[in-house]
Amino acid sequence: MFRKPPASTISNGSYLQGQSNGSLPSKGSAEAAEEDRVVLKKKVTFLRGVSIIIGTIIGAGIFISPKPILQNTGSVGMSLIVWTVCGIISLFGALCYAELGTSIKKSGGHYIYILEAFGPLPAFVRVWVEFLIIRPAATAVISLAFGRYILEPFFMQCEIPDVAIKLITAVGITIVMVLNSMSVSWSARIQIFLTFCKLVAILIIIVPGVMQLIKGETQHFKDAFVGNAAIVKGLPLAFYAGMYAYSGWFYLNFVTEEVENPERNVPLAICTSMVIVTVGYVLTNVAYFTTISPEDLLSSKAVAVTFAERLLGSFSLAVPIFVALSCFGSMNGGIFAISRMFYVASREGHLPEILSMIHVRKHTPLPAVIVLYPLTIVMLFIGNLNSLLNFLSFARWLFIGLAVTGMIYLRYKRPDMPRPFKVPLFIPALFSFTCLFMVALSLYADPVSTGIGFAITLTGVPAYYLFIIWDKKPRWFRRLKDKTTLMLQIILEVVPAEETSRT
């Protein structure tokens, strides 16, 4: 049993530390003492960093339906150019985050960079929107894709019941939450395995596609840029879809404090991952067009399945399994990274104190992981998830653009800040402009949903003043908060992290 602390210990961050420290046997070495400290350990190696980035970028999209880009470009050649350009611009954004991650060695990603550059209000609004809608809805959407494709081989001759999809999806979400709660190492190892599965799945498409090219199957590339001239109006929407497909390159920055040798591994993992993903995406689309005509691709519900059925015969049954594993990897990587944003936001005083606590034995941010579980399950069963994501799609690019603009601002505000990795100024300038373009594109493409999303985002402003600034809360409210925190600490066996040096 844990000892009950004095009432004052909840606020100063020492509850249960005595139990953790006082009951530990003396091991007689500095290494043992360091290993026993209740902190998030530096267990993210270069390979694990690569797996986090690739594993979260590559979800269901590249396997299921890349047709929005083809639909809005009108030609095979232009669609391949859009895939390539989006990959390059995403690499520019990743390079900016590499500089931010090596100069601000704190976890939290967008949130911590906006906090450092522009202060607490915009940072709070960022984490408020992420916590309230974006992350639970995004997790539910990718989880539904996992549920559908894991059941696909069992329902080849009929439609999959919605209730079955949602039940197996709930099981998948539960497994991911438990995995991330139990062990950082095992979560990272499984992410490496799932990333390997994703790359194998892409190779299963690319290799036969290259063989088709060698055989001379190039009929769909003839007159590659011939298409409907009016479709040029759709280029911004194609660009938007491409940038969405590459999103995820920023997730390693959410766990910077857990990266071994971040000055080296953060930029190296980011650059390596983006090159692999960009080349893989472009070659996968080339492979599709060696076998599938543009018309067939636009009519296909799952392009990778259509491709496999035409070239791989009975082996095509494995494709839905690979898609499901790909979705599971995105779920796992997303929860692993976003829980660190909530952990850091709580540590900075912008979320409840319990979210900044760590399990006394497993050294995982258990409360920050499981806090998403009930919201995600609720959104899974209420439906209209894509509408929720459409409401707030602009918020992602708005705050990413704000973070990169903050990097430019910090160059002048704090010129003496150590910057082990530094990019030319035109790269953040170009990327910031791109993010503003994405925000404007959201307004152009769907002004109603964007307006609703903007209104939801603005609710973070009164929430900031109500929950953070207002320090004259009723005594009963403060006592209830302290008792709730104490009860959750005892139930979850968590304590505040021991102080570590962060720059």
Protein backbone atom coordinates (compact mmCIF):
# COMPACT_ATOMS: atom_id res chain seq x y z
CA MET A 1 0.00 0.00 0.00
CA PHE A 2 1.10 3.53 -0.72
CA ARG A 3 1.44 5.91 2.18
CA LYS A 4 -0.98 8.81 2.21
CA PRO A 5 0.97 12.07 1.89
CA PRO A 6 0.35 15.35 3.60
CA ALA A 7 -2.20 17.48 1.76
CA SER A 8 0.49 19.88 0.56
CA THR A 9 2.42 17.25 -1.32
CA ILE A 10 0.01 17.03 -4.21
CA SER A 11 0.72 20.55 -5.34
CA ASN A 12 4.49 20.42 -4.95
CA GLY A 13 4.84 17.21 -6.92
CA SER A 14 6.25 14.82 -4.31
CA TYR A 15 3.42 12.37 -3.68
CA LEU A 16 4.50 8.71 -3.65
CA GLN A 17 8.12 9.64 -4.28
CA GLY A 18 8.92 8.50 -0.78
CA GLN A 19 7.41 5.10 -1.45
CA SER A 20 9.30 4.77 -4.68
CA ASN A 21 12.63 5.97 -3.32
CA GLY A 22 12.46 4.67 0.24
CA SER A 23 11.58 1.10 -0.64
CA LEU A 24 14.26 0.63 -3.27
CA PRO A 25 17.22 -1.57 -2.35
CA SER A 26 20.65 0.00 -2.39
CA LYS A 27 22.49 -1.17 -5.48
CA GLY A 28 25.73 0.64 -4.82
CA SER A 29 26.27 2.24 -8.19
CA ALA A 30 25.42 5.47 -9.96
CA GLU A 31 24.10 3.48 -12.94
CA ALA A 32 21.65 1.57 -10.76
CA ALA A 33 20.48 4.77 -9.08
CA GLU A 34 19.92 6.41 -12.46
CA GLU A 35 18.02 3.34 -13.72
CA ASP A 36 15.70 3.48 -10.70
CA ARG A 37 14.78 7.15 -11.13
CA VAL A 38 11.12 7.72 -11.94
CA VAL A 39 11.55 9.47 -15.28
CA LEU A 40 10.86 8.75 -18.93
CA LYS A 41 13.93 6.83 -20.08
CA LYS A 42 15.91 7.57 -23.24
CA LYS A 43 14.90 4.42 -25.09
CA VAL A 44 14.18 5.85 -28.56
CA THR A 45 17.15 4.92 -30.71
CA PHE A 46 17.74 5.96 -34.32
CA LEU A 47 15.96 2.85 -35.61
CA ARG A 48 13.03 3.34 -33.26
CA GLY A 49 12.84 6.99 -34.30
CA VAL A 50 12.63 5.99 -37.95
CA SER A 51 9.93 3.45 -37.12
CA ILE A 52 7.87 6.08 -35.26
CA ILE A 53 7.94 8.47 -38.23
CA ILE A 54 7.43 5.95 -41.03
CA GLY A 55 4.97 3.96 -38.94
CA THR A 56 2.71 6.96 -38.40
CA ILE A 57 2.99 8.50 -41.88
CA ILE A 58 2.16 5.31 -43.77
CA GLY A 59 -1.39 4.44 -42.81
CA ALA A 60 -4.21 3.12 -44.95
CA GLY A 61 -4.22 5.85 -47.59
CA ILE A 62 -1.44 4.74 -49.92
CA PHE A 63 -2.90 1.20 -50.01
CA ILE A 64 -6.58 2.03 -50.21
CA SER A 65 -7.29 5.10 -52.31
CA PRO A 66 -4.79 7.61 -53.72
CA LYS A 67 -7.49 8.64 -56.20
CA PRO A 68 -8.21 12.17 -54.82
CA ILE A 69 -4.90 13.32 -56.29
CA LEU A 70 -5.57 11.73 -59.68
CA GLN A 71 -9.14 12.99 -59.62
CA ASN A 72 -8.07 16.58 -58.99
CA THR A 73 -5.08 16.63 -61.36
CA GLY A 74 -6.70 14.89 -64.33
CA SER A 75 -3.56 13.15 -65.58
CA VAL A 76 -1.12 10.45 -64.56
CA GLY A 77 1.96 12.64 -65.01
CA MET A 78 0.60 15.55 -62.99
CA SER A 79 -0.51 13.24 -60.19
CA LEU A 80 3.03 11.82 -59.90
CA ILE A 81 4.45 15.36 -59.83
CA VAL A 82 2.07 16.28 -57.01
CA TRP A 83 3.15 13.21 -55.01
CA THR A 84 6.80 14.20 -55.49
CA VAL A 85 6.35 17.90 -54.69
CA CYS A 86 4.32 17.13 -51.57
CA GLY A 87 7.09 14.82 -50.42
CA ILE A 88 9.73 17.52 -50.94
CA ILE A 89 7.71 20.17 -49.11
CA SER A 90 7.03 17.73 -46.28
CA LEU A 91 10.79 17.14 -46.12
CA PHE A 92 11.26 20.90 -45.76
CA GLY A 93 8.85 20.90 -42.83
CA ALA A 94 10.64 17.93 -41.33
CA LEU A 95 13.99 19.73 -41.63
CA CYS A 96 12.50 22.71 -39.77
CA TYR A 97 11.35 20.39 -37.01
CA ALA A 98 14.80 18.81 -36.94
CA GLU A 99 16.22 22.24 -36.08
CA LEU A 100 13.52 22.83 -33.48
CA GLY A 101 14.03 19.39 -31.96
CA THR A 102 17.77 19.83 -31.57
CA SER A 103 17.61 23.39 -30.23
CA ILE A 104 14.61 22.91 -27.89
CA LYS A 105 15.25 19.51 -26.33
CA LYS A 106 11.79 19.10 -24.84
CA SER A 107 9.06 16.69 -25.82
CA GLY A 108 5.67 17.99 -26.91
CA GLY A 109 6.12 18.85 -30.59
CA HIS A 110 3.99 21.75 -31.88
CA TYR A 111 2.82 22.61 -28.38
CA ILE A 112 6.24 23.19 -26.81
CA TYR A 113 7.59 25.12 -29.83
CA ILE A 114 4.62 27.49 -29.86
CA LEU A 115 4.97 27.89 -26.08
CA GLU A 116 8.66 28.79 -26.38
CA ALA A 117 8.12 31.26 -29.22
CA PHE A 118 4.73 32.87 -28.58
CA GLY A 119 3.76 32.11 -25.00
CA PRO A 120 1.10 30.13 -23.16
CA LEU A 121 -2.20 31.21 -24.75
CA PRO A 122 -1.64 29.92 -28.32
CA ALA A 123 0.11 26.84 -26.89
CA PHE A 124 -2.88 26.08 -24.67
CA VAL A 125 -5.31 26.53 -27.57
CA ARG A 126 -3.22 24.04 -29.56
CA VAL A 127 -3.32 21.33 -26.91
CA TRP A 128 -6.98 22.10 -26.10
CA VAL A 129 -8.10 21.37 -29.67
CA GLU A 130 -5.87 18.30 -29.90
CA PHE A 131 -7.20 16.90 -26.63
CA LEU A 132 -10.86 17.70 -27.19
CA ILE A 133 -11.45 16.62 -30.78
CA ILE A 134 -8.53 16.06 -33.13
CA ARG A 135 -6.68 13.18 -31.53
CA PRO A 136 -9.67 11.10 -30.35
CA ALA A 137 -11.37 11.52 -33.75
CA ALA A 138 -8.18 10.84 -35.73
CA THR A 139 -7.45 7.72 -33.66
CA ALA A 140 -11.02 6.49 -34.14
CA VAL A 141 -10.85 7.01 -37.93
CA ILE A 142 -7.60 5.10 -38.46
CA SER A 143 -8.81 2.45 -36.02
CA LEU A 144 -12.00 1.94 -38.05
CA ALA A 145 -9.84 1.31 -41.11
CA PHE A 146 -7.92 -1.27 -39.05
CA GLY A 147 -11.17 -2.96 -37.99
CA ARG A 148 -12.54 -3.09 -41.53
CA TYR A 149 -9.43 -4.56 -43.12
CA ILE A 150 -8.63 -7.07 -40.38
CA LEU A 151 -12.12 -8.54 -40.97
CA GLU A 152 -11.96 -8.35 -44.77
CA PRO A 153 -10.62 -11.93 -45.32
CA PHE A 154 -13.53 -13.33 -43.27
CA PHE A 155 -16.23 -11.49 -45.23
CA MET A 156 -15.03 -11.89 -48.81
CA GLN A 157 -18.50 -12.73 -50.15
CA CYS A 158 -20.59 -10.25 -48.16
CA GLU A 159 -20.62 -6.84 -46.54
CA ILE A 160 -18.95 -6.55 -43.14
CA PRO A 161 -21.51 -5.66 -40.40
CA ASP A 162 -20.86 -2.22 -38.92
CA VAL A 163 -21.21 -3.56 -35.39
CA ALA A 164 -18.48 -6.14 -36.03
CA ILE A 165 -16.15 -3.44 -37.37
CA LYS A 166 -16.71 -1.23 -34.35
CA LEU A 167 -16.27 -4.07 -31.86
CA ILE A 168 -12.99 -5.27 -33.35
CA THR A 169 -11.91 -1.63 -33.62
CA ALA A 170 -12.57 -1.14 -29.90
CA VAL A 171 -10.44 -4.21 -29.19
CA GLY A 172 -7.62 -2.78 -31.32
CA ILE A 173 -7.76 0.59 -29.54
CA THR A 174 -7.68 -1.19 -26.18
CA ILE A 175 -4.62 -3.22 -27.17
CA VAL A 176 -2.77 -0.09 -28.29
CA MET A 177 -3.59 1.75 -25.07
CA VAL A 178 -2.50 -1.20 -22.91
CA LEU A 179 0.71 -1.63 -24.91
CA ASN A 180 1.70 2.02 -24.52
CA SER A 181 0.80 1.93 -20.82
CA MET A 182 2.87 -1.16 -20.03
CA SER A 183 6.24 -0.57 -21.69
CA VAL A 184 8.02 2.04 -23.77
CA SER A 185 10.47 -0.58 -25.04
CA TRP A 186 7.82 -3.04 -26.17
CA SER A 187 5.76 -0.32 -27.80
CA ALA A 188 8.85 0.78 -29.74
CA ARG A 189 9.78 -2.80 -30.68
CA ILE A 190 6.31 -3.55 -31.98
CA GLN A 191 6.40 -0.26 -33.90
CA ILE A 192 9.63 -1.41 -35.59
CA PHE A 193 7.95 -4.70 -36.55
CA LEU A 194 4.84 -2.94 -37.89
CA THR A 195 6.99 -0.48 -39.85
CA PHE A 196 8.79 -3.45 -41.38
CA CYS A 197 5.38 -4.88 -42.35
CA LYS A 198 4.42 -1.57 -43.99
CA LEU A 199 7.61 -1.50 -46.04
CA VAL A 200 7.10 -5.14 -47.05
CA ALA A 201 3.57 -4.28 -48.16
CA ILE A 202 4.87 -1.41 -50.29
CA LEU A 203 7.56 -3.65 -51.79
CA ILE A 204 4.87 -6.24 -52.62
CA ILE A 205 3.36 -3.53 -54.84
CA ILE A 206 6.56 -1.87 -56.12
CA VAL A 207 8.48 -5.00 -57.17
CA PRO A 208 5.74 -6.45 -59.44
CA GLY A 209 5.19 -2.93 -60.77
CA VAL A 210 8.85 -2.60 -61.74
CA MET A 211 8.67 -6.03 -63.38
CA GLN A 212 5.67 -4.80 -65.38
CA LEU A 213 7.70 -1.79 -66.54
CA ILE A 214 10.54 -4.07 -67.60
CA LYS A 215 8.02 -6.08 -69.62
CA GLY A 216 6.98 -2.88 -71.38
CA GLU A 217 3.65 -2.27 -69.67
CA THR A 218 3.79 1.50 -70.15
CA GLN A 219 0.55 2.15 -72.00
CA HIS A 220 -0.91 4.18 -69.11
CA PHE A 221 2.11 6.50 -69.15
CA LYS A 222 1.69 7.48 -72.79
CA ASP A 223 0.47 11.06 -73.07
CA ALA A 224 0.88 11.21 -69.30
CA PHE A 225 0.06 14.91 -69.10
CA VAL A 226 -2.99 14.80 -71.34
CA GLY A 227 -6.13 15.45 -69.36
CA ASN A 228 -9.04 17.77 -68.83
CA ALA A 229 -7.71 21.34 -68.89
CA ALA A 230 -10.45 22.46 -66.51
CA ILE A 231 -9.09 20.08 -63.90
CA VAL A 232 -6.28 22.60 -63.20
CA LYS A 233 -8.75 24.20 -60.80
CA GLY A 234 -8.50 21.05 -58.73
CA LEU A 235 -4.72 21.23 -58.27
CA PRO A 236 -4.96 22.93 -54.86
CA LEU A 237 -7.23 20.13 -53.62
CA ALA A 238 -4.82 17.52 -55.01
CA PHE A 239 -1.99 19.26 -53.22
CA TYR A 240 -4.02 19.28 -50.00
CA ALA A 241 -4.65 15.52 -50.28
CA GLY A 242 -0.96 14.87 -50.91
CA MET A 243 0.19 16.87 -47.90
CA TYR A 244 -2.33 15.00 -45.75
CA ALA A 245 -0.90 11.67 -46.96
CA TYR A 246 2.59 12.73 -45.83
CA SER A 247 1.51 14.14 -42.46
CA GLY A 248 3.19 12.45 -39.52
CA TRP A 249 6.80 13.53 -40.07
CA PHE A 250 6.59 15.63 -36.88
CA TYR A 251 5.83 12.80 -34.43
CA LEU A 252 9.41 12.15 -33.33
CA ASN A 253 9.52 15.70 -31.95
CA PHE A 254 6.78 14.74 -29.50
CA VAL A 255 9.22 12.38 -27.71
CA THR A 256 12.49 14.34 -27.96
CA GLU A 257 13.33 13.85 -24.26
CA GLU A 258 13.28 10.07 -24.80
CA VAL A 259 15.58 10.08 -27.85
CA GLU A 260 19.14 8.89 -27.40
CA ASN A 261 21.61 11.55 -28.58
CA PRO A 262 18.88 13.81 -30.02
CA GLU A 263 21.40 16.16 -31.68
CA ARG A 264 22.31 13.32 -34.04
CA ASN A 265 19.32 10.99 -34.08
CA VAL A 266 16.46 13.50 -34.48
CA PRO A 267 17.63 15.08 -37.79
CA LEU A 268 19.04 11.80 -39.10
CA ALA A 269 15.86 9.84 -38.37
CA ILE A 270 13.65 12.58 -39.83
CA CYS A 271 15.63 12.90 -43.07
CA THR A 272 16.01 9.13 -43.52
CA SER A 273 12.30 8.55 -42.96
CA MET A 274 11.15 11.26 -45.35
CA VAL A 275 13.40 10.02 -48.16
CA ILE A 276 12.11 6.46 -47.70
CA VAL A 277 8.45 7.54 -47.58
CA THR A 278 8.68 9.90 -50.57
CA VAL A 279 10.46 7.36 -52.79
CA GLY A 280 8.06 4.64 -51.62
CA TYR A 281 4.94 6.71 -52.29
CA VAL A 282 6.02 7.77 -55.78
CA LEU A 283 7.13 4.25 -56.81
CA THR A 284 3.92 2.75 -55.41
CA ASN A 285 1.83 5.07 -57.56
CA VAL A 286 3.99 4.28 -60.58
CA ALA A 287 3.39 0.58 -59.89
CA TYR A 288 -0.37 1.10 -59.73
CA PHE A 289 -0.38 2.67 -63.20
CA THR A 290 1.54 -0.24 -64.75
CA THR A 291 -1.51 -2.44 -64.17
CA ILE A 292 -4.51 -0.19 -63.48
CA SER A 293 -5.79 2.40 -65.91
CA PRO A 294 -6.63 5.87 -64.57
CA GLU A 295 -10.32 5.12 -65.10
CA ASP A 296 -10.12 1.87 -63.12
CA LEU A 297 -8.16 3.55 -60.34
CA LEU A 298 -10.83 6.22 -59.95
CA SER A 299 -13.54 3.57 -59.70
CA SER A 300 -11.65 1.33 -57.25
CA LYS A 301 -12.51 1.42 -53.54
CA ALA A 302 -9.17 -0.11 -52.56
CA VAL A 303 -6.44 0.41 -55.16
CA ALA A 304 -3.90 -1.92 -53.57
CA VAL A 305 -6.45 -4.75 -53.43
CA THR A 306 -7.40 -4.19 -57.08
CA PHE A 307 -3.71 -4.19 -58.05
CA ALA A 308 -3.04 -7.39 -56.09
CA GLU A 309 -6.06 -9.20 -57.53
CA ARG A 310 -4.81 -8.54 -61.07
CA LEU A 311 -1.15 -9.44 -60.53
CA LEU A 312 -0.80 -11.63 -57.45
CA GLY A 313 -3.74 -14.00 -57.67
CA SER A 314 -4.61 -15.77 -54.40
CA PHE A 315 -1.80 -13.90 -52.60
CA SER A 316 -4.00 -10.82 -52.83
CA LEU A 317 -5.82 -12.11 -49.73
CA ALA A 318 -2.76 -10.99 -47.72
CA VAL A 319 -3.13 -7.36 -48.78
CA PRO A 320 -6.01 -6.51 -46.38
CA ILE A 321 -3.93 -7.97 -43.54
CA PHE A 322 -1.00 -5.73 -44.43
CA VAL A 323 -3.34 -2.73 -44.63
CA ALA A 324 -4.71 -3.60 -41.17
CA LEU A 325 -1.18 -3.89 -39.76
CA SER A 326 -0.32 -0.57 -41.37
CA CYS A 327 -3.31 1.06 -39.64
CA PHE A 328 -2.37 -0.57 -36.34
CA GLY A 329 1.13 0.90 -36.65
CA SER A 330 -0.32 4.36 -37.21
CA MET A 331 -2.54 3.92 -34.15
CA ASN A 332 0.39 2.81 -32.00
CA GLY A 333 2.76 5.54 -33.18
CA GLY A 334 0.14 8.25 -32.82
CA ILE A 335 -0.79 7.30 -29.24
CA PHE A 336 2.88 6.95 -28.27
CA ALA A 337 3.67 10.45 -29.54
CA ILE A 338 0.54 12.40 -28.62
CA SER A 339 0.54 11.13 -25.03
CA ARG A 340 3.86 12.97 -24.63
CA MET A 341 2.23 16.22 -25.74
CA PHE A 342 -0.36 15.83 -22.99
CA TYR A 343 2.38 14.85 -20.53
CA VAL A 344 4.39 18.00 -21.29
CA ALA A 345 1.31 20.25 -21.34
CA SER A 346 0.40 18.97 -17.87
CA ARG A 347 3.96 19.54 -16.69
CA GLU A 348 3.66 23.13 -17.91
CA GLY A 349 0.38 23.57 -16.01
CA HIS A 350 -1.97 23.54 -19.01
CA LEU A 351 -3.66 20.19 -18.32
CA PRO A 352 -4.59 18.38 -15.08
CA GLU A 353 -1.59 17.53 -12.88
CA ILE A 354 -2.25 13.79 -12.99
CA LEU A 355 -1.32 13.69 -16.70
CA SER A 356 2.32 14.60 -15.93
CA MET A 357 2.83 11.59 -13.67
CA ILE A 358 4.69 8.37 -14.42
CA HIS A 359 4.11 4.79 -13.33
CA VAL A 360 6.45 3.95 -10.45
CA ARG A 361 7.71 0.69 -12.00
CA LYS A 362 6.93 0.74 -15.72
CA HIS A 363 8.19 4.32 -16.24
CA THR A 364 5.42 5.11 -18.74
CA PRO A 365 3.20 8.24 -18.73
CA LEU A 366 0.22 6.04 -17.92
CA PRO A 367 -2.41 8.76 -17.26
CA ALA A 368 -1.47 10.69 -20.43
CA VAL A 369 -1.89 7.50 -22.46
CA ILE A 370 -5.23 6.31 -21.12
CA VAL A 371 -6.89 9.74 -20.95
CA LEU A 372 -7.66 9.44 -24.65
CA TYR A 373 -9.33 6.05 -24.30
CA PRO A 374 -12.87 7.05 -23.23
CA LEU A 375 -13.05 9.96 -25.69
CA THR A 376 -11.86 7.75 -28.54
CA ILE A 377 -14.36 4.99 -27.76
CA VAL A 378 -17.20 7.52 -27.55
CA MET A 379 -16.27 9.03 -30.93
CA LEU A 380 -15.95 5.55 -32.41
CA PHE A 381 -19.61 4.82 -31.74
CA ILE A 382 -21.20 8.24 -32.35
CA GLY A 383 -20.23 8.34 -36.03
CA ASN A 384 -19.62 11.42 -38.21
CA LEU A 385 -15.90 11.18 -37.48
CA ASN A 386 -14.84 12.47 -40.87
CA SER A 387 -16.99 15.55 -40.31
CA LEU A 388 -15.18 16.21 -37.04
CA LEU A 389 -11.83 15.91 -38.78
CA ASN A 390 -12.98 18.20 -41.59
CA PHE A 391 -14.01 20.80 -39.00
CA LEU A 392 -10.47 20.91 -37.68
CA SER A 393 -8.26 19.91 -40.60
CA PHE A 394 -7.18 23.50 -40.99
CA ALA A 395 -6.05 23.63 -37.33
CA ARG A 396 -3.22 21.16 -37.96
CA TRP A 397 -1.67 23.33 -40.68
CA LEU A 398 -2.36 26.55 -38.82
CA PHE A 399 -0.43 25.44 -35.74
CA ILE A 400 2.34 23.67 -37.65
CA GLY A 401 2.82 26.87 -39.65
CA LEU A 402 2.79 28.85 -36.41
CA ALA A 403 5.48 26.57 -34.93
CA VAL A 404 7.74 26.98 -37.98
CA THR A 405 7.12 30.74 -37.99
CA GLY A 406 8.15 30.63 -34.33
CA MET A 407 11.42 29.04 -35.39
CA ILE A 408 12.12 32.04 -37.63
CA TYR A 409 11.13 34.37 -34.79
CA LEU A 410 13.45 32.57 -32.36
CA ARG A 411 16.37 33.11 -34.75
CA TYR A 412 16.03 36.84 -33.94
CA LYS A 413 14.63 36.66 -30.42
CA ARG A 414 17.23 34.17 -29.15
CA PRO A 415 20.17 34.27 -31.57
CA ASP A 416 22.50 32.67 -29.02
CA MET A 417 20.36 29.54 -28.61
CA PRO A 418 22.46 26.44 -29.43
CA ARG A 419 21.43 25.09 -32.83
CA PRO A 420 23.33 21.86 -33.60
CA PHE A 421 21.26 21.50 -36.78
CA LYS A 422 20.38 24.65 -38.73
CA VAL A 423 18.51 24.97 -42.01
CA PRO A 424 18.70 27.83 -44.54
CA LEU A 425 16.11 30.51 -43.85
CA PHE A 426 14.30 30.03 -47.18
CA ILE A 427 13.19 26.54 -46.07
CA PRO A 428 11.08 27.64 -43.05
CA ALA A 429 9.87 30.67 -45.02
CA LEU A 430 8.64 28.50 -47.89
CA PHE A 431 7.09 25.96 -45.56
CA SER A 432 5.30 28.60 -43.48
CA PHE A 433 3.83 30.00 -46.69
CA THR A 434 2.72 26.49 -47.65
CA CYS A 435 0.93 26.08 -44.31
CA LEU A 436 -0.88 29.40 -44.81
CA PHE A 437 -1.85 28.15 -48.26
CA MET A 438 -3.26 24.99 -46.67
CA VAL A 439 -5.33 27.05 -44.23
CA ALA A 440 -6.66 29.23 -47.07
CA LEU A 441 -7.37 26.07 -49.07
CA SER A 442 -9.48 24.73 -46.21
CA LEU A 443 -11.57 27.89 -46.34
CA TYR A 444 -11.91 27.56 -50.11
CA ALA A 445 -12.73 23.84 -50.15
CA ASP A 446 -15.21 23.74 -47.27
CA PRO A 447 -15.97 27.13 -45.70
CA VAL A 448 -18.80 25.81 -43.52
CA SER A 449 -16.81 23.01 -41.86
CA THR A 450 -13.75 25.24 -41.57
CA GLY A 451 -15.83 27.96 -39.93
CA ILE A 452 -17.19 25.45 -37.41
CA GLY A 453 -13.65 24.23 -36.76
CA PHE A 454 -12.46 27.78 -36.27
CA ALA A 455 -15.25 28.35 -33.74
CA ILE A 456 -14.32 25.16 -31.86
CA THR A 457 -10.68 26.27 -31.80
CA LEU A 458 -11.66 29.67 -30.38
CA THR A 459 -13.30 27.97 -27.39
CA GLY A 460 -9.75 27.43 -26.19
CA VAL A 461 -9.43 31.14 -25.41
CA PRO A 462 -12.14 31.35 -22.71
CA ALA A 463 -11.07 27.91 -21.48
CA TYR A 464 -7.54 29.26 -20.97
CA TYR A 465 -8.74 32.14 -18.81
CA LEU A 466 -11.23 29.97 -16.91
CA PHE A 467 -8.98 26.99 -16.14
CA ILE A 468 -5.48 28.49 -16.19
CA ILE A 469 -5.56 32.21 -15.41
CA TRP A 470 -8.45 32.40 -12.93
CA ASP A 471 -6.82 31.68 -9.58
CA LYS A 472 -9.82 32.43 -7.36
CA LYS A 473 -11.57 29.13 -7.88
CA PRO A 474 -13.90 28.06 -5.04
CA ARG A 475 -12.30 26.19 -2.15
CA TRP A 476 -14.58 23.18 -2.72
CA PHE A 477 -13.34 22.97 -6.33
CA ARG A 478 -9.68 22.99 -5.27
CA ARG A 479 -10.31 20.35 -2.59
CA LEU A 480 -12.19 18.15 -5.05
CA LYS A 481 -9.35 18.46 -7.55
CA ASP A 482 -6.73 17.52 -4.95
CA LYS A 483 -8.73 14.53 -3.70
CA THR A 484 -9.35 13.33 -7.24
CA THR A 485 -5.64 13.62 -8.06
CA LEU A 486 -4.74 11.70 -4.89
CA MET A 487 -7.26 8.95 -5.62
CA LEU A 488 -6.04 8.55 -9.22
CA GLN A 489 -2.42 8.41 -8.08
CA ILE A 490 -3.21 5.56 -5.71
CA ILE A 491 -5.28 3.66 -8.28
CA LEU A 492 -2.82 4.11 -11.15
CA GLU A 493 0.37 3.88 -9.03
CA VAL A 494 1.87 7.00 -10.55
CA VAL A 495 4.09 9.78 -9.19
CA PRO A 496 5.48 13.07 -10.55
CA ALA A 497 8.62 12.60 -12.59
CA GLU A 498 11.89 13.38 -10.86
CA GLU A 499 13.52 16.57 -12.06
CA THR A 500 15.81 16.25 -15.06
CA SER A 501 17.75 18.92 -16.88
CA ARG A 502 15.94 20.18 -20.00
CA THR A 503 17.14 22.91 -22.32
